[in-house]
Amino acid sequence: MDHSNTPSNTPAQTPANTPVQTFRDGRLKAVLWENQGADGPYHTVTLARTYEDKEGRLQDSNSFTRSELLRIAELAREAHSAMRDLGRERGEERESVPPAPQQGHPRKEGRYR
C-alpha cells in the first residue's frame, strides 16, 4: 500500500484552490484543501477514486466499492490528522466549540408503551 502524502502545487492553479496535501493509496486519494472564510482559513477534504474513461482520460469518481471503503477510510483518517495538526499550528482548535443543540422532540417523563 503506497501512502504517499506529498504536497501538490500546480502552477496553473491559484493559491485559493491549490491542494495543501494529497494522500494516496493506489487510485484512491484524499485531497486536503485550504479555503478562506469570514472567520479565516478552514480546511476541507475531497475523497476520490481515479479511473481511466473510454477515451483514455483520467477522471475522478466519488463512488467506492466495498473493497475500497476501508482504504478510503484510512486516507480520511490521515487527512483528519493533518487537518488537526494544521489547526494546532494556527491555534484554531475548532473542536473545542460546544456541540450544536440536539434537534428533535424532547422526551416526556414517564413510561413509553
Protein backbone atom coordinates (compact mmCIF):
# COMPACT_ATOMS: atom_id res chain seq x y z
CA MET A 1 0.00 0.00 0.00
CA ASP A 2 1.51 3.30 -1.10
CA HIS A 3 0.54 6.07 1.31
CA SER A 4 2.33 8.99 -0.26
CA ASN A 5 1.32 12.29 1.25
CA THR A 6 3.03 14.79 -0.93
CA PRO A 7 2.09 18.45 -1.10
CA SER A 8 0.74 19.29 -4.54
CA ASN A 9 1.42 22.61 -6.23
CA THR A 10 0.23 23.01 -9.79
CA PRO A 11 1.34 26.32 -11.36
CA ALA A 12 -1.96 26.72 -13.27
CA GLN A 13 -3.96 26.76 -10.04
CA THR A 14 -4.47 29.77 -7.83
CA PRO A 15 -3.44 29.60 -4.16
CA ALA A 16 -7.12 29.59 -3.16
CA ASN A 17 -7.74 26.24 -4.83
CA THR A 18 -4.35 24.55 -4.63
CA PRO A 19 -4.38 21.36 -2.53
CA VAL A 20 -2.47 21.61 0.73
CA GLN A 21 -1.71 17.89 0.71
CA THR A 22 -2.75 14.74 -1.18
CA PHE A 23 -2.87 11.30 0.46
CA ARG A 24 -2.86 8.33 -1.97
CA ASP A 25 -3.39 4.60 -1.89
CA GLY A 26 -3.24 3.29 -5.44
CA ARG A 27 -6.03 5.00 -7.37
CA LEU A 28 -7.70 6.26 -4.18
CA LYS A 29 -6.94 9.71 -2.82
CA ALA A 30 -7.87 12.18 -0.11
CA VAL A 31 -7.11 15.77 -1.07
CA LEU A 32 -6.79 18.37 1.70
CA TRP A 33 -7.82 21.92 0.72
CA GLU A 34 -7.50 25.27 2.47
CA ASN A 35 -10.36 27.71 2.00
CA GLN A 36 -10.89 31.27 3.18
CA GLY A 37 -13.98 32.06 5.22
CA ALA A 38 -15.29 35.06 7.14
CA ASP A 39 -13.53 33.77 10.28
CA GLY A 40 -10.27 32.99 8.47
CA PRO A 41 -8.92 29.85 6.81
CA TYR A 42 -10.59 26.47 7.19
CA HIS A 43 -9.88 23.05 5.67
CA THR A 44 -11.93 20.53 3.71
CA VAL A 45 -11.19 17.11 2.21
CA THR A 46 -12.20 15.58 -1.10
CA LEU A 47 -12.24 11.76 -1.32
CA ALA A 48 -12.00 10.25 -4.81
CA ARG A 49 -11.13 7.23 -6.91
CA THR A 50 -9.25 7.94 -10.16
CA TYR A 51 -10.16 5.88 -13.22
CA GLU A 52 -9.50 5.98 -16.96
CA ASP A 53 -12.51 6.68 -19.20
CA LYS A 54 -13.14 5.18 -22.68
CA GLU A 55 -11.08 7.94 -24.32
CA GLY A 56 -8.13 7.26 -22.02
CA ARG A 57 -8.59 10.42 -19.92
CA LEU A 58 -8.21 10.27 -16.15
CA GLN A 59 -11.42 11.05 -14.27
CA ASP A 60 -12.35 11.13 -10.58
CA SER A 61 -15.32 9.37 -9.03
CA ASN A 62 -16.75 9.74 -5.54
CA SER A 63 -18.18 6.22 -5.61
CA PHE A 64 -16.31 3.38 -3.91
CA THR A 65 -16.60 -0.40 -3.93
CA ARG A 66 -16.82 -2.43 -0.74
CA SER A 67 -13.15 -3.43 -1.06
CA GLU A 68 -12.15 0.26 -1.32
CA LEU A 69 -14.10 1.54 1.69
CA LEU A 70 -11.60 0.62 4.40
CA ARG A 71 -8.73 2.02 2.32
CA ILE A 72 -10.57 5.31 1.74
CA ALA A 73 -11.42 5.41 5.46
CA GLU A 74 -7.70 5.16 6.28
CA LEU A 75 -6.94 8.00 3.87
CA ALA A 76 -9.70 10.04 5.54
CA ARG A 77 -8.10 9.31 8.93
CA GLU A 78 -4.72 10.53 7.65
CA ALA A 79 -6.33 13.69 6.24
CA HIS A 80 -8.12 14.27 9.56
CA SER A 81 -4.80 14.06 11.43
CA ALA A 82 -3.22 16.54 9.00
CA MET A 83 -6.19 18.92 9.46
CA ARG A 84 -5.85 18.66 13.24
CA ASP A 85 -2.12 19.40 13.01
CA LEU A 86 -2.76 22.42 10.76
CA GLY A 87 -5.32 23.71 13.26
CA ARG A 88 -2.86 23.31 16.11
CA GLU A 89 -0.19 25.17 14.16
CA ARG A 90 -2.58 28.08 13.74
CA GLY A 91 -4.12 27.79 17.19
CA GLU A 92 -7.52 27.11 15.66
CA GLU A 93 -8.90 24.24 17.64
CA ARG A 94 -12.46 24.35 16.30
CA GLU A 95 -13.19 21.07 18.04
CA SER A 96 -13.38 22.99 21.32
CA VAL A 97 -16.59 24.69 20.14
CA PRO A 98 -19.56 23.25 22.07
CA PRO A 99 -21.79 20.94 20.01
CA ALA A 100 -24.98 22.30 18.49
CA PRO A 101 -28.19 21.58 20.42
CA GLN A 102 -29.90 18.31 19.53
CA GLN A 103 -32.80 18.55 17.11
CA GLY A 104 -35.99 16.62 17.68
CA HIS A 105 -38.69 16.23 20.24
CA PRO A 106 -37.85 16.36 23.95
CA ARG A 107 -38.65 13.17 25.84
CA LYS A 108 -41.59 13.32 28.14
CA GLU A 109 -41.18 11.93 31.61
CA GLY A 110 -42.96 8.71 32.37
CA ARG A 111 -43.33 5.38 30.65
CA TYR A 112 -43.46 4.71 26.95
CA ARG A 113 -45.52 1.84 25.67
